[in-house]
PDB file of N, CA and C in Angstrom:
ATOM      1  N   UNK A   1       0.850  -1.168   0.000  1.00  0.00           N
ATOM      2  CA  UNK A   1       0.000   0.000   0.000  1.00  0.00           C
ATOM      3  C   UNK A   1       0.900   1.237   0.000  1.00  0.00           C
ATOM      4  N   UNK A   2       0.604   2.150  -0.887  1.00  0.00           N
ATOM      5  CA  UNK A   2       1.448   3.339  -0.998  1.00  0.00           C
ATOM      6  C   UNK A   2       1.164   4.329   0.128  1.00  0.00           C
ATOM      7  N   UNK A   3       2.046   5.265   0.264  1.00  0.00           N
ATOM      8  CA  UNK A   3       1.899   6.274   1.308  1.00  0.00           C
ATOM      9  C   UNK A   3       0.675   7.148   1.056  1.00  0.00           C
ATOM     10  N   UNK A   4       0.373   7.407  -0.205  1.00  0.00           N
ATOM     11  CA  UNK A   4      -0.794   8.216  -0.532  1.00  0.00           C
ATOM     12  C   UNK A   4      -2.083   7.509  -0.132  1.00  0.00           C
ATOM     13  N   UNK A   5      -2.146   6.210  -0.365  1.00  0.00           N
ATOM     14  CA  UNK A   5      -3.336   5.445   0.014  1.00  0.00           C
ATOM     15  C   UNK A   5      -3.510   5.434   1.532  1.00  0.00           C
ATOM     16  N   UNK A   6      -2.413   5.314   2.259  1.00  0.00           N
ATOM     17  CA  UNK A   6      -2.497   5.353   3.716  1.00  0.00           C
ATOM     18  C   UNK A   6      -2.978   6.713   4.211  1.00  0.00           C
ATOM     19  N   UNK A   7      -2.524   7.768   3.574  1.00  0.00           N
ATOM     20  CA  UNK A   7      -2.976   9.104   3.948  1.00  0.00           C
ATOM     21  C   UNK A   7      -4.466   9.300   3.667  1.00  0.00           C
ATOM     22  N   UNK A   8      -4.941   8.753   2.560  1.00  0.00           N
ATOM     23  CA  UNK A   8      -6.363   8.853   2.234  1.00  0.00           C
ATOM     24  C   UNK A   8      -7.195   8.091   3.255  1.00  0.00           C
ATOM     25  N   UNK A   9      -6.752   6.912   3.650  1.00  0.00           N
ATOM     26  CA  UNK A   9      -7.471   6.130   4.660  1.00  0.00           C
ATOM     27  C   UNK A   9      -7.488   6.877   5.990  1.00  0.00           C
ATOM     28  N   UNK A  10      -6.371   7.464   6.365  1.00  0.00           N
ATOM     29  CA  UNK A  10      -6.313   8.247   7.598  1.00  0.00           C
ATOM     30  C   UNK A  10      -7.240   9.458   7.531  1.00  0.00           C
ATOM     31  N   UNK A  11      -7.272  10.116   6.399  1.00  0.00           N
ATOM     32  CA  UNK A  11      -8.151  11.266   6.229  1.00  0.00           C
ATOM     33  C   UNK A  11      -9.612  10.860   6.337  1.00  0.00           C
ATOM     34  N   UNK A  12      -9.984   9.750   5.715  1.00  0.00           N
ATOM     35  CA  UNK A  12     -11.366   9.281   5.817  1.00  0.00           C
ATOM     36  C   UNK A  12     -11.736   8.912   7.246  1.00  0.00           C
ATOM     37  N   UNK A  13     -10.797   8.328   7.982  1.00  0.00           N
ATOM     38  CA  UNK A  13     -11.066   7.998   9.380  1.00  0.00           C
ATOM     39  C   UNK A  13     -11.266   9.262  10.205  1.00  0.00           C
ATOM     40  N   UNK A  14     -10.437  10.264   9.976  1.00  0.00           N
ATOM     41  CA  UNK A  14     -10.587  11.518  10.710  1.00  0.00           C
ATOM     42  C   UNK A  14     -11.884  12.235  10.359  1.00  0.00           C
ATOM     43  N   UNK A  15     -12.247  12.233   9.097  1.00  0.00           N
ATOM     44  CA  UNK A  15     -13.504  12.858   8.683  1.00  0.00           C
ATOM     45  C   UNK A  15     -14.687  12.107   9.287  1.00  0.00           C
ATOM     46  N   UNK A  16     -14.601  10.799   9.344  1.00  0.00           N
ATOM     47  CA  UNK A  16     -15.679  10.005   9.950  1.00  0.00           C
ATOM     48  C   UNK A  16     -15.847  10.342  11.420  1.00  0.00           C
ATOM     49  N   UNK A  17     -14.740  10.467  12.143  1.00  0.00           N
ATOM     50  CA  UNK A  17     -14.822  10.851  13.553  1.00  0.00           C
ATOM     51  C   UNK A  17     -15.371  12.253  13.729  1.00  0.00           C
ATOM     52  N   UNK A  18     -14.989  13.154  12.853  1.00  0.00           N
ATOM     53  CA  UNK A  18     -15.490  14.522  12.919  1.00  0.00           C
ATOM     54  C   UNK A  18     -16.994  14.568  12.670  1.00  0.00           C
ATOM     55  N   UNK A  19     -17.467  13.822  11.691  1.00  0.00           N
ATOM     56  CA  UNK A  19     -18.898  13.798  11.379  1.00  0.00           C
ATOM     57  C   UNK A  19     -19.686  13.181  12.524  1.00  0.00           C
ATOM     58  N   UNK A  20     -19.204  12.059  13.052  1.00  0.00           N
ATOM     59  CA  UNK A  20     -19.904  11.419  14.171  1.00  0.00           C
ATOM     60  C   UNK A  20     -19.927  12.333  15.393  1.00  0.00           C
ATOM     61  N   UNK A  21     -18.851  13.041  15.645  1.00  0.00           N
ATOM     62  CA  UNK A  21     -18.812  13.986  16.761  1.00  0.00           C
ATOM     63  C   UNK A  21     -19.777  15.143  16.578  1.00  0.00           C
ATOM     64  N   UNK A  22     -19.867  15.646  15.358  1.00  0.00           N
ATOM     65  CA  UNK A  22     -20.799  16.739  15.093  1.00  0.00           C
ATOM     66  C   UNK A  22     -22.248  16.303  15.241  1.00  0.00           C
ATOM     67  N   UNK A  23     -22.568  15.117  14.777  1.00  0.00           N
ATOM     68  CA  UNK A  23     -23.937  14.617  14.936  1.00  0.00           C
ATOM     69  C   UNK A  23     -24.252  14.393  16.408  1.00  0.00           C
ATOM     70  N   UNK A  24     -23.293  13.854  17.155  1.00  0.00           N
ATOM     71  CA  UNK A  24     -23.491  13.657  18.591  1.00  0.00           C
ATOM     72  C   UNK A  24     -23.719  14.988  19.289  1.00  0.00           C
ATOM     73  N   UNK A  25     -22.946  15.994  18.929  1.00  0.00           N
ATOM     74  CA  UNK A  25     -23.112  17.314  19.532  1.00  0.00           C
ATOM     75  C   UNK A  25     -24.476  17.911  19.177  1.00  0.00           C
ATOM     76  N   UNK A  26     -24.891  17.765  17.925  1.00  0.00           N
ATOM     77  CA  UNK A  26     -26.187  18.312  17.514  1.00  0.00           C
ATOM     78  C   UNK A  26     -27.328  17.644  18.260  1.00  0.00           C
ATOM     79  N   UNK A  27     -27.245  16.327  18.449  1.00  0.00           N
ATOM     80  CA  UNK A  27     -28.291  15.611  19.186  1.00  0.00           C
ATOM     81  C   UNK A  27     -28.284  16.050  20.647  1.00  0.00           C
ATOM     82  N   UNK A  28     -27.112  16.262  21.212  1.00  0.00           N
ATOM     83  CA  UNK A  28     -27.016  16.706  22.607  1.00  0.00           C
ATOM     84  C   UNK A  28     -27.535  18.134  22.770  1.00  0.00           C
ATOM     85  N   UNK A  29     -27.253  18.986  21.801  1.00  0.00           N
ATOM     86  CA  UNK A  29     -27.602  20.406  21.901  1.00  0.00           C
ATOM     87  C   UNK A  29     -29.077  20.667  21.629  1.00  0.00           C
ATOM     88  N   UNK A  30     -29.662  19.928  20.708  1.00  0.00           N
ATOM     89  CA  UNK A  30     -31.065  20.128  20.321  1.00  0.00           C
ATOM     90  C   UNK A  30     -31.855  18.866  20.653  1.00  0.00           C
ATOM     91  N   UNK A  31     -32.602  18.880  21.732  1.00  0.00           N
ATOM     92  CA  UNK A  31     -33.348  17.669  22.123  1.00  0.00           C
ATOM     93  C   UNK A  31     -34.374  17.221  21.093  1.00  0.00           C
ATOM     94  N   UNK A  32     -34.804  18.111  20.208  1.00  0.00           N
ATOM     95  CA  UNK A  32     -35.769  17.704  19.187  1.00  0.00           C
ATOM     96  C   UNK A  32     -35.156  16.728  18.184  1.00  0.00           C
ATOM     97  N   UNK A  33     -33.831  16.708  18.102  1.00  0.00           N
ATOM     98  CA  UNK A  33     -33.142  15.773  17.200  1.00  0.00           C
ATOM     99  C   UNK A  33     -32.755  14.486  17.922  1.00  0.00           C
ATOM    100  N   UNK A  34     -33.430  14.194  19.003  1.00  0.00           N
ATOM    101  CA  UNK A  34     -33.016  13.113  19.889  1.00  0.00           C
ATOM    102  C   UNK A  34     -33.324  11.718  19.354  1.00  0.00           C
ATOM    103  N   UNK A  35     -33.964  11.635  18.227  1.00  0.00           N
ATOM    104  CA  UNK A  35     -34.262  10.314  17.687  1.00  0.00           C
ATOM    105  C   UNK A  35     -33.006   9.598  17.251  1.00  0.00           C
ATOM    106  N   UNK A  36     -32.699   8.462  17.831  1.00  0.00           N
ATOM    107  CA  UNK A  36     -31.460   7.766  17.456  1.00  0.00           C
ATOM    108  C   UNK A  36     -31.454   7.298  16.011  1.00  0.00           C
ATOM    109  N   UNK A  37     -32.617   6.995  15.486  1.00  0.00           N
ATOM    110  CA  UNK A  37     -32.667   6.562  14.083  1.00  0.00           C
ATOM    111  C   UNK A  37     -32.316   7.731  13.166  1.00  0.00           C
ATOM    112  N   UNK A  38     -32.843   8.918  13.468  1.00  0.00           N
ATOM    113  CA  UNK A  38     -32.536  10.094  12.651  1.00  0.00           C
ATOM    114  C   UNK A  38     -31.055  10.443  12.750  1.00  0.00           C
ATOM    115  N   UNK A  39     -30.491  10.364  13.952  1.00  0.00           N
ATOM    116  CA  UNK A  39     -29.070  10.669  14.119  1.00  0.00           C
ATOM    117  C   UNK A  39     -28.206   9.644  13.391  1.00  0.00           C
ATOM    118  N   UNK A  40     -28.564   8.388  13.476  1.00  0.00           N
ATOM    119  CA  UNK A  40     -27.815   7.346  12.768  1.00  0.00           C
ATOM    120  C   UNK A  40     -27.884   7.509  11.261  1.00  0.00           C
ATOM    121  N   UNK A  41     -29.077   7.832  10.755  1.00  0.00           N
ATOM    122  CA  UNK A  41     -29.214   8.033   9.315  1.00  0.00           C
ATOM    123  C   UNK A  41     -28.442   9.264   8.845  1.00  0.00           C
ATOM    124  N   UNK A  42     -28.440  10.310   9.654  1.00  0.00           N
ATOM    125  CA  UNK A  42     -27.678  11.504   9.285  1.00  0.00           C
ATOM    126  C   UNK A  42     -26.189  11.192   9.248  1.00  0.00           C
ATOM    127  N   UNK A  43     -25.714  10.420  10.213  1.00  0.00           N
ATOM    128  CA  UNK A  43     -24.302  10.050  10.232  1.00  0.00           C
ATOM    129  C   UNK A  43     -23.950   9.190   9.031  1.00  0.00           C
ATOM    130  N   UNK A  44     -24.775   8.195   8.738  1.00  0.00           N
ATOM    131  CA  UNK A  44     -24.508   7.331   7.584  1.00  0.00           C
ATOM    132  C   UNK A  44     -24.549   8.101   6.272  1.00  0.00           C
ATOM    133  N   UNK A  45     -25.490   9.032   6.161  1.00  0.00           N
ATOM    134  CA  UNK A  45     -25.598   9.807   4.924  1.00  0.00           C
ATOM    135  C   UNK A  45     -24.373  10.691   4.717  1.00  0.00           C
ATOM    136  N   UNK A  46     -23.906  11.323   5.771  1.00  0.00           N
ATOM    137  CA  UNK A  46     -22.739  12.176   5.609  1.00  0.00           C
ATOM    138  C   UNK A  46     -21.465  11.364   5.395  1.00  0.00           C
ATOM    139  N   UNK A  47     -21.368  10.202   6.022  1.00  0.00           N
ATOM    140  CA  UNK A  47     -20.215   9.334   5.767  1.00  0.00           C
ATOM    141  C   UNK A  47     -20.222   8.825   4.323  1.00  0.00           C
ATOM    142  N   UNK A  48     -21.407   8.497   3.819  1.00  0.00           N
ATOM    143  CA  UNK A  48     -21.502   8.056   2.430  1.00  0.00           C
ATOM    144  C   UNK A  48     -21.126   9.184   1.472  1.00  0.00           C
ATOM    145  N   UNK A  49     -21.537  10.398   1.806  1.00  0.00           N
ATOM    146  CA  UNK A  49     -21.183  11.534   0.950  1.00  0.00           C
ATOM    147  C   UNK A  49     -19.675  11.788   0.976  1.00  0.00           C
ATOM    148  N   UNK A  50     -19.052  11.687   2.148  1.00  0.00           N
ATOM    149  CA  UNK A  50     -17.603  11.891   2.235  1.00  0.00           C
ATOM    150  C   UNK A  50     -16.865  10.792   1.478  1.00  0.00           C
ATOM    151  N   UNK A  51     -17.332   9.555   1.586  1.00  0.00           N
ATOM    152  CA  UNK A  51     -16.695   8.450   0.858  1.00  0.00           C
ATOM    153  C   UNK A  51     -16.865   8.613  -0.645  1.00  0.00           C
ATOM    154  N   UNK A  52     -18.040   9.026  -1.080  1.00  0.00           N
ATOM    155  CA  UNK A  52     -18.278   9.228  -2.505  1.00  0.00           C
ATOM    156  C   UNK A  52     -17.405  10.354  -3.042  1.00  0.00           C
ATOM    157  N   UNK A  53     -17.225  11.399  -2.251  1.00  0.00           N
ATOM    158  CA  UNK A  53     -16.371  12.500  -2.680  1.00  0.00           C
ATOM    159  C   UNK A  53     -14.922  12.041  -2.803  1.00  0.00           C
ATOM    160  N   UNK A  54     -14.465  11.231  -1.852  1.00  0.00           N
ATOM    161  CA  UNK A  54     -13.085  10.729  -1.920  1.00  0.00           C
ATOM    162  C   UNK A  54     -12.910   9.795  -3.119  1.00  0.00           C
ATOM    163  N   UNK A  55     -13.887   8.948  -3.387  1.00  0.00           N
ATOM    164  CA  UNK A  55     -13.773   8.036  -4.523  1.00  0.00           C
ATOM    165  C   UNK A  55     -13.840   8.779  -5.854  1.00  0.00           C
ATOM    166  N   UNK A  56     -14.673   9.806  -5.927  1.00  0.00           N
ATOM    167  CA  UNK A  56     -14.742  10.553  -7.181  1.00  0.00           C
ATOM    168  C   UNK A  56     -13.459  11.354  -7.408  1.00  0.00           C
ATOM    169  N   UNK A  57     -12.841  11.817  -6.342  1.00  0.00           N
ATOM    170  CA  UNK A  57     -11.590  12.552  -6.496  1.00  0.00           C
ATOM    171  C   UNK A  57     -10.448  11.641  -6.905  1.00  0.00           C
ATOM    172  N   UNK A  58     -10.535  10.357  -6.513  1.00  0.00           N
ATOM    173  CA  UNK A  58      -9.458   9.426  -6.871  1.00  0.00           C
ATOM    174  C   UNK A  58      -9.584   8.932  -8.300  1.00  0.00           C
ATOM    175  N   UNK A  59     -10.740   9.138  -8.919  1.00  0.00           N
ATOM    176  CA  UNK A  59     -10.916   8.743 -10.321  1.00  0.00           C
ATOM    177  C   UNK A  59     -11.319   7.300 -10.508  1.00  0.00           C
ATOM    178  N   UNK A  60     -11.813   6.634  -9.476  1.00  0.00           N
ATOM    179  CA  UNK A  60     -12.220   5.233  -9.614  1.00  0.00           C
ATOM    180  C   UNK A  60     -13.689   5.113  -9.834  1.00  0.00           C
TER     181      UNK A  60
END
């Protein structure tokens, strides 16, 4: 595995943690968003968008 691929994997992991942290904070801050299903779907949707953006940038 090349160094560039390792950096991309690390970046995706960091972005995933950032997204999950932001969703957790939003659920904590706004009790109306307290539905765990809605929070889980929001996290999955943003992770899918970040992954799709990384894959489209890589040209695959």
